C-alpha atoms as a PDB file:
ATOM      1  CA  MET A   1       0.016  -0.017   0.000  1.00  0.00           C
ATOM      2  CA  THR A   2       1.101   3.562  -0.639  1.00  0.00           C
ATOM      3  CA  SER A   3       1.275   6.112   2.111  1.00  0.00           C
ATOM      4  CA  MET A   4      -1.807   7.755   0.744  1.00  0.00           C
ATOM      5  CA  GLU A   5      -3.790   4.542   0.795  1.00  0.00           C
ATOM      6  CA  LEU A   6      -2.538   3.865   4.305  1.00  0.00           C
ATOM      7  CA  ASN A   7      -3.599   7.348   5.494  1.00  0.00           C
ATOM      8  CA  ALA A   8      -7.045   6.820   3.805  1.00  0.00           C
ATOM      9  CA  GLU A   9      -7.404   3.426   5.604  1.00  0.00           C
ATOM     10  CA  MET A  10      -6.463   4.921   8.961  1.00  0.00           C
ATOM     11  CA  LEU A  11      -8.908   7.776   8.498  1.00  0.00           C
ATOM     12  CA  ARG A  12     -11.700   5.339   7.516  1.00  0.00           C
ATOM     13  CA  ASN A  13     -11.067   3.340  10.677  1.00  0.00           C
ATOM     14  CA  MET A  14     -10.869   6.471  12.822  1.00  0.00           C
ATOM     15  CA  SER A  15     -14.190   7.628  11.525  1.00  0.00           C
ATOM     16  CA  ILE A  16     -15.722   4.281  12.654  1.00  0.00           C
ATOM     17  CA  ILE A  17     -14.511   4.649  16.212  1.00  0.00           C
ATOM     18  CA  ALA A  18     -14.897   8.511  16.492  1.00  0.00           C
ATOM     19  CA  GLU A  19     -18.129   8.139  18.490  1.00  0.00           C
ATOM     20  CA  ASP A  20     -16.688   5.951  21.142  1.00  0.00           C
ATOM     21  CA  GLU A  21     -14.374   7.929  23.589  1.00  0.00           C
ATOM     22  CA  ASN A  22     -12.868   4.676  25.101  1.00  0.00           C
ATOM     23  CA  LEU A  23     -11.848   3.337  21.696  1.00  0.00           C
ATOM     24  CA  LEU A  24     -10.381   6.755  20.858  1.00  0.00           C
ATOM     25  CA  LYS A  25      -8.336   6.706  24.074  1.00  0.00           C
ATOM     26  CA  ARG A  26      -7.042   3.319  23.246  1.00  0.00           C
ATOM     27  CA  ALA A  27      -6.115   4.394  19.744  1.00  0.00           C
ATOM     28  CA  VAL A  28      -4.207   7.433  21.043  1.00  0.00           C
ATOM     29  CA  LYS A  29      -2.432   5.402  23.550  1.00  0.00           C
ATOM     30  CA  TYR A  30      -1.282   2.912  20.838  1.00  0.00           C
ATOM     31  CA  LEU A  31      -0.270   5.669  18.511  1.00  0.00           C
ATOM     32  CA  ARG A  32       1.849   7.301  21.244  1.00  0.00           C
ATOM     33  CA  LYS A  33       3.490   3.883  21.812  1.00  0.00           C
ATOM     34  CA  LEU A  34       4.269   3.580  18.096  1.00  0.00           C
ATOM     35  CA  ALA A  35       5.747   7.075  17.948  1.00  0.00           C
ATOM     36  CA  ALA A  36       7.929   6.381  20.955  1.00  0.00           C
ATOM     37  CA  GLU A  37       9.203   3.131  19.284  1.00  0.00           C
ATOM     38  CA  LYS A  38      10.055   5.094  16.144  1.00  0.00           C
ATOM     39  CA  GLU A  39      12.054   7.609  18.156  1.00  0.00           C
ATOM     40  CA  ASN A  40      13.942   4.750  19.806  1.00  0.00           C
ATOM     41  CA  VAL A  41      14.630   3.007  16.522  1.00  0.00           C
ATOM     42  CA  SER A  42      15.890   6.047  14.827  1.00  0.00           C
ATOM     43  CA  ALA A  43      18.322   6.601  17.679  1.00  0.00           C
ATOM     44  CA  GLU A  44      19.798   3.143  17.398  1.00  0.00           C
ATOM     45  CA  MET A  45      22.776   2.433  15.120  1.00  0.00           C
ATOM     46  CA  SER A  46      23.341  -0.777  13.107  1.00  0.00           C
ATOM     47  CA  SER A  47      25.950  -3.218  14.237  1.00  0.00           C
ATOM     48  CA  LYS A  48      28.107  -2.245  11.206  1.00  0.00           C
ATOM     49  CA  GLU A  49      28.030   1.396  12.393  1.00  0.00           C
ATOM     50  CA  PHE A  50      28.712   0.374  15.988  1.00  0.00           C
ATOM     51  CA  PHE A  51      31.800  -1.774  15.056  1.00  0.00           C
ATOM     52  CA  ALA A  52      33.085   0.898  12.716  1.00  0.00           C
ATOM     53  CA  ARG A  53      32.910   3.434  15.683  1.00  0.00           C
ATOM     54  CA  VAL A  54      34.677   0.927  17.969  1.00  0.00           C
ATOM     55  CA  GLU A  55      37.426   0.431  15.400  1.00  0.00           C
ATOM     56  CA  GLU A  56      37.798   4.167  14.957  1.00  0.00           C
ATOM     57  CA  ALA A  57      37.968   4.676  18.734  1.00  0.00           C
ATOM     58  CA  GLY A  58      40.675   2.074  18.938  1.00  0.00           C
ATOM     59  CA  LYS A  59      42.852   4.158  16.728  1.00  0.00           C
ATOM     60  CA  GLN A  60      42.640   7.177  19.064  1.00  0.00           C
ATOM     61  CA  PRO A  61      45.156   7.602  21.783  1.00  0.00           C
ATOM     62  CA  GLY A  62      43.921   6.438  25.158  1.00  0.00           C
ATOM     63  CA  VAL A  63      43.668   8.416  28.446  1.00  0.00           C
ATOM     64  CA  THR A  64      44.931   6.925  31.620  1.00  0.00           C
ATOM     65  CA  PHE A  65      44.591   8.042  35.294  1.00  0.00           C
ATOM     66  CA  ASN A  66      46.742   7.379  38.283  1.00  0.00           C
ATOM     67  CA  ASN A  67      43.839   7.752  40.793  1.00  0.00           C
ATOM     68  CA  VAL A  68      40.115   8.433  41.046  1.00  0.00           C
ATOM     69  CA  ALA A  69      40.647  12.124  41.660  1.00  0.00           C
ATOM     70  CA  GLU A  70      42.293  12.494  38.313  1.00  0.00           C
ATOM     71  CA  LEU A  71      39.450  10.638  36.619  1.00  0.00           C
ATOM     72  CA  ASP A  72      36.959  12.732  38.385  1.00  0.00           C
ATOM     73  CA  GLN A  73      38.656  15.895  37.318  1.00  0.00           C
ATOM     74  CA  TYR A  74      38.735  14.659  33.681  1.00  0.00           C
ATOM     75  CA  ILE A  75      35.094  13.747  33.663  1.00  0.00           C
ATOM     76  CA  ARG A  76      34.082  17.132  35.142  1.00  0.00           C
ATOM     77  CA  SER A  77      36.054  18.917  32.464  1.00  0.00           C
ATOM     78  CA  LEU A  78      34.146  17.274  29.636  1.00  0.00           C
END
C-alpha cells in the first residue's frame, strides 16, 4: 500500500471509532507507543556502524589516570 492509501485506511477506521471515547483513548495510547518506538529505533545504530565506531575509537590515543581524583577531574572537564 502507498502512504496515501494507508492514510485513507487509517482515517476510515478512525471515523468508525470516532463516536466511542474509550476506543479513541485506546487508539491514542497505541499511537503514542508507536511514535515512541520510532524515536527509539531512529536513535539506534546498526551493528556495522557500531563496530566501525569501535574500530575508529581504537585508533585514538587512550587516556589513563593514576587515581580516582584524576578521573573525576577529567570527567568534570568534559
